[in-house]
Protein backbone atom coordinates (compact mmCIF):
# COMPACT_ATOMS: atom_id res chain seq x y z
CA MET A 1 -197.73 24.41 -69.25
CA ASP A 2 -198.76 21.01 -70.58
CA LYS A 3 -197.28 17.25 -69.47
CA LYS A 4 -194.77 17.88 -72.25
CA ASP A 5 -193.02 20.63 -70.21
CA SER A 6 -193.67 18.14 -66.99
CA ILE A 7 -191.43 15.83 -68.48
CA TYR A 8 -189.00 18.17 -69.71
CA GLY A 9 -188.66 19.30 -65.82
CA ILE A 10 -188.55 15.64 -64.59
CA SER A 11 -185.95 14.96 -67.36
CA TYR A 12 -183.70 18.17 -66.05
CA PHE A 13 -184.33 17.21 -62.21
CA VAL A 14 -182.47 13.61 -63.27
CA TYR A 15 -179.53 15.28 -65.14
CA THR A 16 -178.96 17.96 -62.41
CA ILE A 17 -179.11 15.32 -59.77
CA LEU A 18 -176.41 12.96 -61.84
CA ILE A 19 -174.48 16.64 -62.24
CA THR A 20 -174.15 17.48 -58.60
CA ILE A 21 -173.43 13.74 -57.78
CA ILE A 22 -170.19 13.86 -60.05
CA TYR A 23 -169.62 17.56 -59.14
CA SER A 24 -169.50 16.52 -55.11
CA ARG A 25 -167.28 13.06 -55.97
CA LEU A 26 -164.63 15.05 -57.96
CA PHE A 27 -164.61 18.69 -56.12
CA VAL A 28 -166.18 18.91 -52.90
CA VAL A 29 -163.31 18.10 -50.84
CA PRO A 30 -163.72 18.45 -46.79
CA ASP A 31 -159.37 19.13 -46.49
CA MET A 32 -160.09 21.62 -49.08
CA PHE A 33 -162.44 23.72 -46.84
CA SER A 34 -160.87 23.38 -43.65
CA ASN A 35 -157.48 24.87 -45.24
CA LEU A 36 -159.35 27.59 -46.57
CA GLU A 37 -160.89 28.54 -43.49
CA GLY A 38 -159.95 32.19 -42.50
CA ARG A 39 -158.33 32.94 -46.31
CA PHE A 40 -161.52 34.48 -47.49
CA TYR A 41 -159.94 35.47 -50.75
CA ALA A 42 -158.48 31.86 -51.23
CA LYS A 43 -162.20 30.73 -50.76
CA VAL A 44 -164.11 33.18 -53.16
CA LEU A 45 -161.58 32.26 -55.78
CA TYR A 46 -162.27 28.58 -55.35
CA ARG A 47 -166.16 28.47 -54.79
CA THR A 48 -166.03 30.64 -58.19
CA LEU A 49 -163.58 28.92 -60.06
CA PHE A 50 -165.39 25.27 -59.49
CA GLY A 51 -168.72 27.02 -58.96
CA LEU A 52 -169.08 28.36 -62.38
CA PRO A 53 -168.61 25.71 -64.46
CA ILE A 54 -171.24 23.80 -62.71
CA ASN A 55 -173.75 26.75 -62.80
CA LEU A 56 -173.79 26.74 -66.37
CA LEU A 57 -174.19 23.05 -66.55
CA TYR A 58 -177.32 23.94 -64.59
CA VAL A 59 -178.75 26.77 -66.57
CA VAL A 60 -177.33 26.44 -70.40
CA PRO A 61 -180.30 23.48 -70.49
CA ILE A 62 -183.08 25.67 -69.21
CA PHE A 63 -182.54 28.39 -72.18
CA ILE A 64 -181.97 25.27 -74.46
CA ILE A 65 -185.47 23.87 -73.74
CA LEU A 66 -187.12 27.21 -73.59
CA LYS A 67 -185.80 27.60 -77.31
CA ILE A 68 -186.89 24.19 -78.03
CA ARG A 69 -190.11 24.97 -76.43
CA LYS A 70 -190.68 28.49 -77.67
CA GLN A 71 -191.21 29.95 -74.75
CA GLY A 72 -190.15 33.21 -73.29
CA LEU A 73 -187.86 34.28 -70.49
CA ARG A 74 -190.89 35.26 -68.80
CA SER A 75 -192.18 31.62 -68.65
CA VAL A 76 -189.54 31.25 -66.01
CA GLY A 77 -190.06 34.47 -64.21
CA ILE A 78 -187.55 36.83 -65.48
CA LYS A 79 -189.02 40.43 -66.32
CA LYS A 80 -188.45 43.67 -66.21
CA ASP A 81 -191.41 44.99 -65.02
CA LYS A 82 -192.17 45.64 -61.00
CA ILE A 83 -188.66 45.59 -60.06
CA LEU A 84 -188.60 48.05 -56.95
CA LYS A 85 -191.76 46.29 -55.82
CA SER A 86 -190.09 42.71 -56.17
CA ILE A 87 -186.70 44.15 -53.98
CA ILE A 88 -188.96 45.41 -51.77
CA ILE A 89 -191.49 42.21 -51.23
CA GLY A 90 -188.09 39.75 -51.39
CA THR A 91 -186.60 42.33 -48.47
CA ILE A 92 -189.57 42.40 -46.13
CA ALA A 93 -189.90 38.51 -47.05
CA ALA A 94 -186.54 37.23 -45.70
CA MET A 95 -186.76 39.07 -41.79
CA PRO A 96 -188.35 36.09 -40.47
CA MET A 97 -185.95 33.76 -42.55
CA SER A 98 -183.10 35.73 -41.11
CA ILE A 99 -184.76 35.74 -37.60
CA TYR A 100 -184.52 32.28 -37.55
CA THR A 101 -181.25 31.53 -39.20
CA MET A 102 -180.01 34.52 -36.39
CA ALA A 103 -181.58 32.42 -33.80
CA LYS A 104 -179.61 29.08 -34.55
CA MET A 105 -176.37 31.04 -34.32
CA ASN A 106 -173.91 30.30 -31.70
CA TYR A 107 -172.68 33.77 -30.77
CA SER A 108 -170.39 32.60 -27.94
CA ILE A 109 -168.01 31.04 -30.84
CA LYS A 110 -169.36 33.91 -33.74
CA VAL A 111 -169.09 37.46 -34.55
CA ILE A 112 -170.35 39.35 -37.20
CA ASN A 113 -167.41 40.27 -40.30
CA PRO A 114 -166.27 43.76 -39.67
CA ASN A 115 -164.53 43.85 -43.46
CA ILE A 116 -167.27 45.87 -45.44
CA LEU A 117 -165.45 44.57 -49.04
CA GLU A 118 -165.91 40.83 -47.59
CA ASN A 119 -169.22 41.61 -47.00
CA ILE A 120 -170.05 43.20 -50.30
CA ILE A 121 -168.08 40.35 -52.26
CA THR A 122 -169.92 37.50 -50.04
CA PHE A 123 -173.27 39.13 -51.09
CA VAL A 124 -172.97 39.50 -54.84
CA GLU A 125 -171.75 35.77 -54.96
CA LEU A 126 -174.06 34.58 -53.10
CA LEU A 127 -176.94 36.67 -54.97
CA ILE A 128 -175.15 35.37 -58.63
CA PHE A 129 -174.32 32.25 -57.73
CA VAL A 130 -176.59 30.57 -55.09
CA SER A 131 -180.10 32.69 -55.42
CA PHE A 132 -180.13 33.44 -59.17
CA ILE A 133 -179.48 30.33 -59.85
CA GLU A 134 -181.16 28.02 -57.33
CA GLU A 135 -184.41 30.58 -58.02
CA LEU A 136 -184.38 30.21 -62.11
CA MET A 137 -183.94 26.02 -61.67
CA PHE A 138 -186.69 25.46 -59.05
CA ARG A 139 -189.32 28.56 -58.74
CA GLY A 140 -188.74 29.16 -62.39
CA PHE A 141 -188.27 26.37 -64.33
CA LEU A 142 -189.31 23.54 -62.33
CA GLN A 143 -192.17 24.38 -60.12
CA THR A 144 -193.87 25.80 -63.30
CA ARG A 145 -193.32 23.08 -65.46
CA ILE A 146 -194.44 20.16 -62.65
CA GLN A 147 -197.56 21.66 -62.20
CA GLY A 148 -198.47 20.72 -65.79
CA LEU A 149 -198.17 17.35 -64.35
CA ILE A 150 -199.95 17.83 -60.88
CA LYS A 151 -202.62 20.43 -60.97
CA ASN A 152 -203.05 20.72 -57.14
CA LYS A 153 -200.89 24.18 -55.99
CA TRP A 154 -200.16 22.28 -52.86
CA LEU A 155 -199.20 19.41 -54.16
CA SER A 156 -197.24 20.51 -56.34
CA MET A 157 -195.15 22.85 -54.41
CA ILE A 158 -194.71 20.22 -51.86
CA VAL A 159 -193.31 17.57 -54.74
CA VAL A 160 -190.73 20.23 -55.84
CA GLY A 161 -189.71 21.37 -52.31
CA LEU A 162 -188.74 17.40 -52.11
CA ILE A 163 -187.00 17.83 -55.23
CA PHE A 164 -185.19 21.07 -53.96
CA SER A 165 -183.96 18.92 -51.01
CA ILE A 166 -183.21 16.20 -52.33
CA PHE A 167 -180.76 18.55 -54.67
CA HIS A 168 -179.12 19.65 -51.60
CA ILE A 169 -178.13 15.94 -50.28
CA PRO A 170 -175.29 14.67 -53.09
CA ALA A 171 -172.93 18.21 -51.97
CA GLN A 172 -173.45 18.28 -48.64
CA ARG A 173 -173.28 14.09 -48.18
CA ALA A 174 -169.94 14.66 -49.55
CA TYR A 175 -168.86 17.69 -47.64
CA LEU A 176 -169.47 16.00 -44.07
CA GLU A 177 -168.42 12.41 -45.55
CA MET A 178 -171.50 10.21 -44.03
CA SER A 179 -173.10 7.21 -46.01
CA LEU A 180 -176.43 8.25 -47.56
CA THR A 181 -178.80 7.12 -45.05
CA ASP A 182 -176.94 8.48 -42.09
CA PHE A 183 -176.71 11.93 -43.65
CA ILE A 184 -180.72 11.65 -44.13
CA ILE A 185 -181.08 10.41 -40.46
CA TYR A 186 -179.03 13.16 -38.83
CA ASN A 187 -180.01 15.92 -41.36
CA LEU A 188 -183.89 15.78 -41.43
CA LEU A 189 -183.37 19.05 -39.50
CA TYR A 190 -181.64 20.16 -42.23
CA LEU A 191 -183.46 18.61 -44.87
CA GLY A 192 -187.13 19.62 -43.79
CA PRO A 193 -186.59 23.06 -43.87
CA LEU A 194 -185.56 23.31 -47.68
CA VAL A 195 -189.26 21.90 -48.24
CA LEU A 196 -190.28 24.63 -46.23
CA SER A 197 -187.99 27.51 -48.00
CA HIS A 198 -189.07 26.03 -51.51
CA ILE A 199 -193.13 26.87 -50.61
CA TYR A 200 -191.76 30.01 -49.35
CA TYR A 201 -190.23 31.31 -52.33
CA THR A 202 -192.78 29.58 -54.51
CA ALA A 203 -195.22 31.87 -52.64
CA LEU A 204 -193.12 35.09 -53.40
CA TYR A 205 -192.42 34.17 -57.01
CA THR A 206 -196.48 33.90 -57.77
CA ILE A 207 -197.09 37.42 -56.88
CA ASP A 208 -195.92 38.53 -59.69
CA LYS A 209 -194.72 35.91 -61.39
CA SER A 210 -191.19 37.11 -60.98
CA ILE A 211 -187.79 35.15 -59.52
CA LEU A 212 -186.38 38.41 -58.35
CA ALA A 213 -188.27 38.74 -54.97
CA PRO A 214 -187.41 34.89 -53.85
CA VAL A 215 -183.93 36.23 -55.16
CA ILE A 216 -183.48 38.78 -52.91
CA ALA A 217 -185.19 37.21 -49.93
CA HIS A 218 -183.13 34.04 -50.53
CA THR A 219 -179.64 35.79 -50.79
CA ILE A 220 -180.69 38.45 -47.57
CA THR A 221 -181.02 34.67 -45.79
CA ASN A 222 -178.29 33.10 -46.82
CA PHE A 223 -175.98 36.67 -45.91
CA VAL A 224 -177.21 36.44 -42.73
CA ASN A 225 -175.65 33.00 -41.90
CA GLU A 226 -172.34 34.10 -43.79
CA LEU A 227 -171.67 37.19 -42.14
CA PHE A 228 -171.23 35.61 -38.93
CA ILE A 229 -167.46 34.24 -38.77
CA LEU A 230 -165.13 32.47 -36.47
CA PRO A 231 -162.61 35.24 -35.09
CA LYS A 232 -159.63 35.64 -36.53
């Protein structure tokens, strides 16, 4: 990748932040999430109806840029080879992060969801609408493009890790109804691990230049968090 790719990458990041801010102001309504608590299928429908449009707004520009730059899907880590290897690597890599997630869990108020169908739907939803989208955006596209400008591997990972962290702020801040300053002050323990998780997922990506391994690891880690619910 060259500096022109980096310019596309930076422009894309600015675009995604603007889209996320607008989306967060329009559709992230804390009272709505509270009303949907315990109503699994209603929550899935809500997240799908409002998540699908913004995910399309996230990924379509990537494919447009690839077309303009005459670059293939392999340049963003979408490959057909070594699929089983990537799945195994992603599954193993998910273990330490899943253990970390479980260590933070409050088992006195949460239990494992016994509904198998709900768990399957949750896993698929996380796989498609969260993990695949974010891995394509940050590990497949942004990380590889920013390296055209920042040649130092570790520095580029830290920079994109910060970008990854910033990307999560608008929606989370809207959900918690906090000012930007308060959110950053009170959620450093949330934002910091996002930078580390980017570095971790990027390391998985670099093994075979494929987003599949980090997609699997990301999905399992998030699923472990969703697996535990409040008793009905």
